């Protein structure tokens, strides 16, 4: 009888120890999962951006002017729209292209509007700085 009590007591202690170890492992796994979620949430996404560079600062009316640039965090094949500043508002210019697999783009325009023309490119919510091209007769 005494041996039976000893065995039952030992079995109970072993069960409690295993349960405690299981909770410890489960608690550690939950803590690791919570840390991973916090890390994923706190890592900011790369900001979307696009640059523009003109091959000419001055061009004759209706001459081709090329714009090139690089993008950051913008998907391949995203449409890049050229805009011109008219009366204080950015207006879509009839020139578009797509972002390449190397995160670049290239597009050209022709303008007959004599004087300083300010252009920029936009894609999604990203817009480049303006670049000026002086169009002459």
N, C-alpha and C. Protein backbone atom coordinates (compact mmCIF):
# COMPACT_ATOMS: atom_id res chain seq x y z
N UNK A 1 0.83 -1.19 0.00
CA UNK A 1 0.00 0.00 0.00
C UNK A 1 0.87 1.25 0.00
N UNK A 2 1.89 1.21 0.84
CA UNK A 2 2.78 2.36 0.92
C UNK A 2 3.48 2.58 -0.41
N UNK A 3 3.90 1.54 -1.08
CA UNK A 3 4.57 1.64 -2.37
C UNK A 3 3.63 2.25 -3.41
N UNK A 4 2.38 1.91 -3.31
CA UNK A 4 1.39 2.45 -4.24
C UNK A 4 1.22 3.95 -4.04
N UNK A 5 1.20 4.43 -2.83
CA UNK A 5 1.08 5.86 -2.52
C UNK A 5 2.31 6.59 -3.04
N UNK A 6 3.48 5.99 -2.86
CA UNK A 6 4.71 6.61 -3.32
C UNK A 6 4.68 6.75 -4.84
N UNK A 7 4.23 5.67 -5.52
CA UNK A 7 4.16 5.73 -6.98
C UNK A 7 3.16 6.77 -7.44
N UNK A 8 2.01 6.84 -6.81
CA UNK A 8 1.00 7.83 -7.20
C UNK A 8 1.51 9.25 -6.96
N UNK A 9 2.16 9.47 -5.84
CA UNK A 9 2.71 10.79 -5.52
C UNK A 9 3.77 11.18 -6.53
N UNK A 10 4.63 10.23 -6.87
CA UNK A 10 5.69 10.50 -7.85
C UNK A 10 5.06 10.82 -9.21
N UNK A 11 4.02 10.07 -9.57
CA UNK A 11 3.35 10.31 -10.84
C UNK A 11 2.69 11.68 -10.85
N UNK A 12 2.10 12.08 -9.75
CA UNK A 12 1.46 13.40 -9.66
C UNK A 12 2.49 14.51 -9.80
N UNK A 13 3.63 14.35 -9.10
CA UNK A 13 4.70 15.35 -9.23
C UNK A 13 5.22 15.42 -10.66
N UNK A 14 5.37 14.29 -11.29
CA UNK A 14 5.87 14.26 -12.68
C UNK A 14 4.87 14.95 -13.60
N UNK A 15 3.60 14.69 -13.39
CA UNK A 15 2.56 15.33 -14.21
C UNK A 15 2.55 16.84 -14.03
N UNK A 16 2.67 17.29 -12.79
CA UNK A 16 2.71 18.73 -12.51
C UNK A 16 3.95 19.35 -13.16
N UNK A 17 5.09 18.67 -13.08
CA UNK A 17 6.32 19.17 -13.67
C UNK A 17 6.19 19.27 -15.19
N UNK A 18 5.62 18.25 -15.82
CA UNK A 18 5.43 18.28 -17.27
C UNK A 18 4.46 19.40 -17.67
N UNK A 19 3.41 19.57 -16.93
CA UNK A 19 2.44 20.62 -17.23
C UNK A 19 3.09 22.00 -17.11
N UNK A 20 3.89 22.18 -16.06
CA UNK A 20 4.59 23.46 -15.87
C UNK A 20 5.57 23.70 -17.00
N UNK A 21 6.28 22.67 -17.43
CA UNK A 21 7.22 22.81 -18.54
C UNK A 21 6.47 23.15 -19.82
N UNK A 22 5.33 22.51 -20.02
CA UNK A 22 4.51 22.80 -21.20
C UNK A 22 4.03 24.23 -21.22
N UNK A 23 3.61 24.73 -20.06
CA UNK A 23 3.18 26.12 -19.98
C UNK A 23 4.34 27.06 -20.23
N UNK A 24 5.49 26.68 -19.72
CA UNK A 24 6.69 27.50 -19.95
C UNK A 24 7.02 27.59 -21.43
N UNK A 25 6.95 26.47 -22.13
CA UNK A 25 7.23 26.47 -23.57
C UNK A 25 6.16 27.25 -24.31
N UNK A 26 4.90 27.00 -23.96
CA UNK A 26 3.81 27.72 -24.62
C UNK A 26 3.92 29.21 -24.35
N UNK A 27 4.25 29.57 -23.13
CA UNK A 27 4.41 30.99 -22.80
C UNK A 27 5.54 31.61 -23.58
N UNK A 28 6.64 30.87 -23.72
CA UNK A 28 7.78 31.37 -24.49
C UNK A 28 7.40 31.53 -25.95
N UNK A 29 6.65 30.57 -26.49
CA UNK A 29 6.22 30.67 -27.89
C UNK A 29 5.30 31.87 -28.09
N UNK A 30 4.40 32.08 -27.14
CA UNK A 30 3.52 33.23 -27.24
C UNK A 30 4.31 34.53 -27.15
N UNK A 31 5.29 34.58 -26.30
CA UNK A 31 6.12 35.78 -26.16
C UNK A 31 6.89 36.03 -27.46
N UNK A 32 7.43 34.96 -28.06
CA UNK A 32 8.14 35.11 -29.33
C UNK A 32 7.20 35.60 -30.43
N UNK A 33 5.98 35.07 -30.48
CA UNK A 33 5.02 35.48 -31.49
C UNK A 33 4.65 36.95 -31.31
N UNK A 34 4.47 37.37 -30.06
CA UNK A 34 4.14 38.77 -29.78
C UNK A 34 5.28 39.68 -30.20
N UNK A 35 6.51 39.26 -29.93
CA UNK A 35 7.68 40.06 -30.33
C UNK A 35 7.74 40.16 -31.85
N UNK A 36 7.49 39.06 -32.55
CA UNK A 36 7.53 39.07 -34.02
C UNK A 36 6.46 40.01 -34.57
N UNK A 37 5.28 39.99 -33.97
CA UNK A 37 4.22 40.89 -34.43
C UNK A 37 4.61 42.34 -34.20
N UNK A 38 5.19 42.65 -33.06
CA UNK A 38 5.61 44.02 -32.79
C UNK A 38 6.69 44.45 -33.75
N UNK A 39 7.61 43.57 -34.07
CA UNK A 39 8.69 43.89 -35.01
C UNK A 39 8.10 44.17 -36.39
N UNK A 40 7.17 43.34 -36.84
CA UNK A 40 6.58 43.52 -38.15
C UNK A 40 5.80 44.82 -38.23
N UNK A 41 5.10 45.16 -37.18
CA UNK A 41 4.30 46.37 -37.16
C UNK A 41 5.18 47.61 -37.10
N UNK A 42 6.28 47.55 -36.36
CA UNK A 42 7.09 48.74 -36.17
C UNK A 42 8.06 49.01 -37.31
N UNK A 43 8.22 48.07 -38.26
CA UNK A 43 9.10 48.28 -39.39
C UNK A 43 8.36 49.12 -40.43
N UNK A 44 8.81 50.36 -40.68
CA UNK A 44 8.10 51.20 -41.64
C UNK A 44 8.36 50.75 -43.08
N UNK A 45 7.35 50.91 -43.91
CA UNK A 45 7.50 50.58 -45.33
C UNK A 45 8.31 51.68 -46.00
N UNK A 46 9.04 51.30 -47.04
CA UNK A 46 9.83 52.29 -47.77
C UNK A 46 8.88 53.31 -48.40
N UNK A 47 9.25 54.57 -48.30
CA UNK A 47 8.41 55.62 -48.85
C UNK A 47 8.49 55.60 -50.37
N UNK A 48 7.36 55.78 -51.03
CA UNK A 48 7.33 55.82 -52.48
C UNK A 48 7.89 57.16 -52.94
N UNK A 49 8.79 57.09 -53.92
CA UNK A 49 9.35 58.33 -54.45
C UNK A 49 9.73 58.14 -55.91
N UNK A 50 9.85 59.28 -56.61
CA UNK A 50 10.23 59.27 -58.02
C UNK A 50 11.03 60.54 -58.30
N UNK A 51 12.08 60.41 -59.11
CA UNK A 51 12.91 61.56 -59.47
C UNK A 51 12.73 61.88 -60.94
N UNK A 52 13.18 63.07 -61.35
CA UNK A 52 13.11 63.47 -62.75
C UNK A 52 14.38 64.22 -63.12
N UNK A 53 14.86 63.96 -64.33
CA UNK A 53 16.02 64.65 -64.87
C UNK A 53 15.75 64.91 -66.34
N UNK A 54 16.02 66.14 -66.79
CA UNK A 54 15.80 66.52 -68.19
C UNK A 54 17.13 66.48 -68.94
N UNK A 55 17.07 66.09 -70.21
CA UNK A 55 18.31 66.09 -71.00
C UNK A 55 18.64 67.47 -71.55
N UNK A 56 17.69 68.41 -71.46
CA UNK A 56 17.91 69.77 -71.96
C UNK A 56 17.31 70.78 -71.00
N UNK A 57 18.03 71.89 -70.82
CA UNK A 57 17.49 73.01 -70.04
C UNK A 57 16.79 73.99 -70.97
N UNK A 58 17.23 74.02 -72.23
CA UNK A 58 16.64 74.88 -73.25
C UNK A 58 16.40 74.05 -74.50
N UNK A 59 15.24 74.26 -75.14
CA UNK A 59 14.91 73.52 -76.36
C UNK A 59 14.10 74.41 -77.28
N UNK A 60 14.22 74.17 -78.57
CA UNK A 60 13.40 74.88 -79.56
C UNK A 60 11.97 74.34 -79.46
N UNK A 61 11.02 75.17 -79.91
CA UNK A 61 9.62 74.76 -79.90
C UNK A 61 9.46 73.46 -80.69
N UNK A 62 8.74 72.54 -80.15
CA UNK A 62 8.39 71.24 -80.71
C UNK A 62 9.58 70.27 -80.81
N UNK A 63 10.71 70.61 -80.21
CA UNK A 63 11.84 69.69 -80.15
C UNK A 63 11.57 68.66 -79.05
N UNK A 64 12.11 67.45 -79.22
CA UNK A 64 11.95 66.42 -78.19
C UNK A 64 12.84 66.73 -76.99
N UNK A 65 12.25 66.60 -75.81
CA UNK A 65 12.98 66.74 -74.55
C UNK A 65 12.74 65.45 -73.77
N UNK A 66 13.82 64.79 -73.40
CA UNK A 66 13.71 63.51 -72.69
C UNK A 66 13.80 63.70 -71.19
N UNK A 67 12.97 62.96 -70.48
CA UNK A 67 13.00 62.91 -69.03
C UNK A 67 13.33 61.48 -68.61
N UNK A 68 14.22 61.35 -67.65
CA UNK A 68 14.54 60.05 -67.08
C UNK A 68 14.51 60.17 -65.57
N UNK A 69 14.40 59.05 -64.91
CA UNK A 69 14.41 59.09 -63.46
C UNK A 69 14.39 57.72 -62.84
N UNK A 70 14.46 57.71 -61.52
CA UNK A 70 14.45 56.49 -60.73
C UNK A 70 13.28 56.51 -59.77
N UNK A 71 12.83 55.32 -59.40
CA UNK A 71 11.72 55.21 -58.45
C UNK A 71 12.15 54.38 -57.26
N UNK A 72 11.46 54.57 -56.15
CA UNK A 72 11.67 53.78 -54.94
C UNK A 72 10.32 53.27 -54.47
N UNK A 73 10.24 51.98 -54.23
CA UNK A 73 9.02 51.34 -53.69
C UNK A 73 7.82 51.49 -54.61
N UNK A 74 8.07 51.54 -55.92
CA UNK A 74 7.00 51.62 -56.90
C UNK A 74 7.12 50.39 -57.79
N UNK A 75 6.02 49.68 -57.98
CA UNK A 75 6.03 48.41 -58.69
C UNK A 75 6.38 48.55 -60.18
N UNK A 76 7.00 47.51 -60.69
CA UNK A 76 7.31 47.42 -62.11
C UNK A 76 5.99 47.56 -62.90
N UNK A 77 6.04 48.20 -64.04
CA UNK A 77 4.90 48.44 -64.93
C UNK A 77 3.89 49.45 -64.41
N UNK A 78 4.20 50.14 -63.31
CA UNK A 78 3.34 51.22 -62.85
C UNK A 78 3.43 52.36 -63.87
N UNK A 79 2.31 53.00 -64.14
CA UNK A 79 2.27 54.08 -65.13
C UNK A 79 2.85 55.37 -64.55
N UNK A 80 3.73 56.00 -65.31
CA UNK A 80 4.32 57.28 -64.95
C UNK A 80 3.70 58.33 -65.87
N UNK A 81 3.07 59.35 -65.30
CA UNK A 81 2.38 60.41 -66.04
C UNK A 81 3.17 61.71 -65.96
N UNK A 82 3.43 62.33 -67.11
CA UNK A 82 4.08 63.64 -67.14
C UNK A 82 3.01 64.70 -66.92
N UNK A 83 3.34 65.70 -66.11
CA UNK A 83 2.43 66.83 -65.88
C UNK A 83 3.19 68.13 -66.12
N UNK A 84 2.44 69.17 -66.56
CA UNK A 84 3.03 70.50 -66.75
C UNK A 84 2.25 71.48 -65.88
N UNK A 85 2.96 72.45 -65.32
CA UNK A 85 2.34 73.48 -64.49
C UNK A 85 1.72 74.53 -65.40
N UNK A 86 0.41 74.68 -65.31
CA UNK A 86 -0.33 75.65 -66.12
C UNK A 86 -1.26 76.45 -65.20
N UNK A 87 -1.07 77.73 -65.18
CA UNK A 87 -1.90 78.63 -64.36
C UNK A 87 -1.93 78.19 -62.90
N UNK A 88 -0.78 77.74 -62.40
CA UNK A 88 -0.69 77.35 -60.99
C UNK A 88 -1.21 75.96 -60.66
N UNK A 89 -1.62 75.18 -61.68
CA UNK A 89 -2.15 73.84 -61.44
C UNK A 89 -1.36 72.83 -62.29
N UNK A 90 -1.14 71.66 -61.73
CA UNK A 90 -0.49 70.59 -62.47
C UNK A 90 -1.53 69.90 -63.35
N UNK A 91 -1.26 69.90 -64.67
CA UNK A 91 -2.18 69.34 -65.66
C UNK A 91 -1.48 68.18 -66.36
N UNK A 92 -2.21 67.08 -66.56
CA UNK A 92 -1.62 65.93 -67.26
C UNK A 92 -1.20 66.33 -68.66
N UNK A 93 0.02 65.98 -69.02
CA UNK A 93 0.58 66.23 -70.35
C UNK A 93 0.43 64.92 -71.13
N UNK A 94 0.23 64.99 -72.44
CA UNK A 94 -0.01 63.74 -73.19
C UNK A 94 1.26 62.91 -73.37
N UNK A 95 1.82 62.44 -72.27
CA UNK A 95 3.01 61.58 -72.31
C UNK A 95 3.03 60.69 -71.07
N UNK A 96 3.07 59.39 -71.30
CA UNK A 96 3.16 58.43 -70.20
C UNK A 96 4.17 57.35 -70.56
N UNK A 97 4.59 56.63 -69.57
CA UNK A 97 5.47 55.48 -69.74
C UNK A 97 5.26 54.57 -68.55
N UNK A 98 6.07 53.50 -68.46
CA UNK A 98 5.95 52.56 -67.34
C UNK A 98 7.30 52.38 -66.65
N UNK A 99 7.23 52.05 -65.36
CA UNK A 99 8.42 51.78 -64.56
C UNK A 99 9.01 50.44 -65.03
N UNK A 100 10.32 50.40 -65.20
CA UNK A 100 10.99 49.18 -65.64
C UNK A 100 11.30 48.28 -64.45
N UNK A 101 11.83 47.09 -64.75
CA UNK A 101 12.20 46.15 -63.69
C UNK A 101 13.39 46.66 -62.87
N UNK A 102 14.11 47.65 -63.40
CA UNK A 102 15.24 48.25 -62.68
C UNK A 102 14.82 49.52 -61.93
N UNK A 103 13.50 49.73 -61.79
CA UNK A 103 12.94 50.88 -61.06
C UNK A 103 13.31 52.21 -61.70
N UNK A 104 13.37 52.24 -63.03
CA UNK A 104 13.66 53.48 -63.76
C UNK A 104 12.55 53.73 -64.77
N UNK A 105 12.58 54.90 -65.39
CA UNK A 105 11.65 55.20 -66.47
C UNK A 105 12.33 56.17 -67.42
N UNK A 106 11.78 56.28 -68.61
CA UNK A 106 12.26 57.21 -69.62
C UNK A 106 11.06 57.62 -70.46
N UNK A 107 10.92 58.92 -70.70
CA UNK A 107 9.79 59.43 -71.49
C UNK A 107 10.23 60.73 -72.15
N UNK A 108 9.62 61.10 -73.28
CA UNK A 108 9.96 62.37 -73.91
C UNK A 108 8.69 63.17 -74.19
N UNK A 109 8.87 64.48 -74.29
CA UNK A 109 7.75 65.39 -74.57
C UNK A 109 8.16 66.37 -75.67
N UNK A 110 7.16 67.00 -76.26
CA UNK A 110 7.36 68.10 -77.20
C UNK A 110 6.39 69.20 -76.79
N UNK A 111 6.90 70.41 -76.69
CA UNK A 111 6.05 71.53 -76.29
C UNK A 111 6.26 72.69 -77.25
N UNK A 112 5.17 73.32 -77.65
CA UNK A 112 5.23 74.51 -78.49
C UNK A 112 5.01 75.78 -77.68
N UNK A 113 4.80 75.62 -76.37
CA UNK A 113 4.58 76.77 -75.51
C UNK A 113 5.92 77.45 -75.21
N UNK A 114 6.14 78.61 -75.82
CA UNK A 114 7.39 79.35 -75.66
C UNK A 114 7.48 79.92 -74.25
N UNK A 115 8.67 79.84 -73.67
CA UNK A 115 8.90 80.32 -72.31
C UNK A 115 9.30 79.17 -71.42
N UNK A 116 9.32 79.43 -70.13
CA UNK A 116 9.72 78.40 -69.17
C UNK A 116 8.54 77.46 -68.93
N UNK A 117 8.76 76.19 -69.18
CA UNK A 117 7.77 75.14 -68.93
C UNK A 117 8.26 74.32 -67.75
N UNK A 118 7.41 74.16 -66.74
CA UNK A 118 7.77 73.33 -65.59
C UNK A 118 7.05 72.00 -65.72
N UNK A 119 7.85 70.92 -65.63
CA UNK A 119 7.31 69.57 -65.74
C UNK A 119 7.62 68.79 -64.47
N UNK A 120 6.79 67.77 -64.22
CA UNK A 120 7.05 66.79 -63.17
C UNK A 120 6.44 65.47 -63.63
N UNK A 121 6.75 64.41 -62.93
CA UNK A 121 6.14 63.11 -63.20
C UNK A 121 5.46 62.62 -61.93
N UNK A 122 4.36 61.90 -62.12
CA UNK A 122 3.63 61.34 -60.98
C UNK A 122 3.31 59.87 -61.28
N UNK A 123 3.24 59.09 -60.22
CA UNK A 123 2.79 57.71 -60.31
C UNK A 123 2.17 57.36 -58.97
N UNK A 124 0.94 56.94 -59.00
CA UNK A 124 0.25 56.66 -57.75
C UNK A 124 0.19 57.92 -56.91
N UNK A 125 0.69 57.85 -55.68
CA UNK A 125 0.69 59.01 -54.79
C UNK A 125 2.04 59.70 -54.74
N UNK A 126 2.99 59.24 -55.56
CA UNK A 126 4.33 59.84 -55.56
C UNK A 126 4.44 60.85 -56.70
N UNK A 127 5.06 61.99 -56.41
CA UNK A 127 5.29 63.02 -57.43
C UNK A 127 6.74 63.49 -57.31
N UNK A 128 7.35 63.75 -58.45
CA UNK A 128 8.73 64.22 -58.45
C UNK A 128 8.76 65.72 -58.18
N UNK A 129 9.96 66.23 -58.01
CA UNK A 129 10.16 67.68 -57.97
C UNK A 129 9.95 68.19 -59.40
N UNK A 130 9.82 69.49 -59.54
CA UNK A 130 9.63 70.07 -60.87
C UNK A 130 10.97 70.29 -61.55
N UNK A 131 10.98 70.19 -62.88
CA UNK A 131 12.15 70.51 -63.67
C UNK A 131 11.70 71.54 -64.72
N UNK A 132 12.55 72.55 -64.95
CA UNK A 132 12.20 73.62 -65.88
C UNK A 132 12.91 73.44 -67.21
N UNK A 133 12.17 73.66 -68.29
CA UNK A 133 12.71 73.64 -69.64
C UNK A 133 12.29 74.95 -70.30
N UNK A 134 13.27 75.72 -70.77
CA UNK A 134 13.00 76.98 -71.45
C UNK A 134 12.80 76.68 -72.93
N UNK A 135 11.58 76.86 -73.41
CA UNK A 135 11.26 76.59 -74.81
C UNK A 135 11.36 77.91 -75.59
N UNK A 136 12.17 77.89 -76.68
CA UNK A 136 12.40 79.08 -77.49
C UNK A 136 11.80 78.88 -78.89
N UNK A 137 11.65 80.01 -79.62
CA UNK A 137 11.11 79.92 -80.99
C UNK A 137 12.06 79.25 -81.93
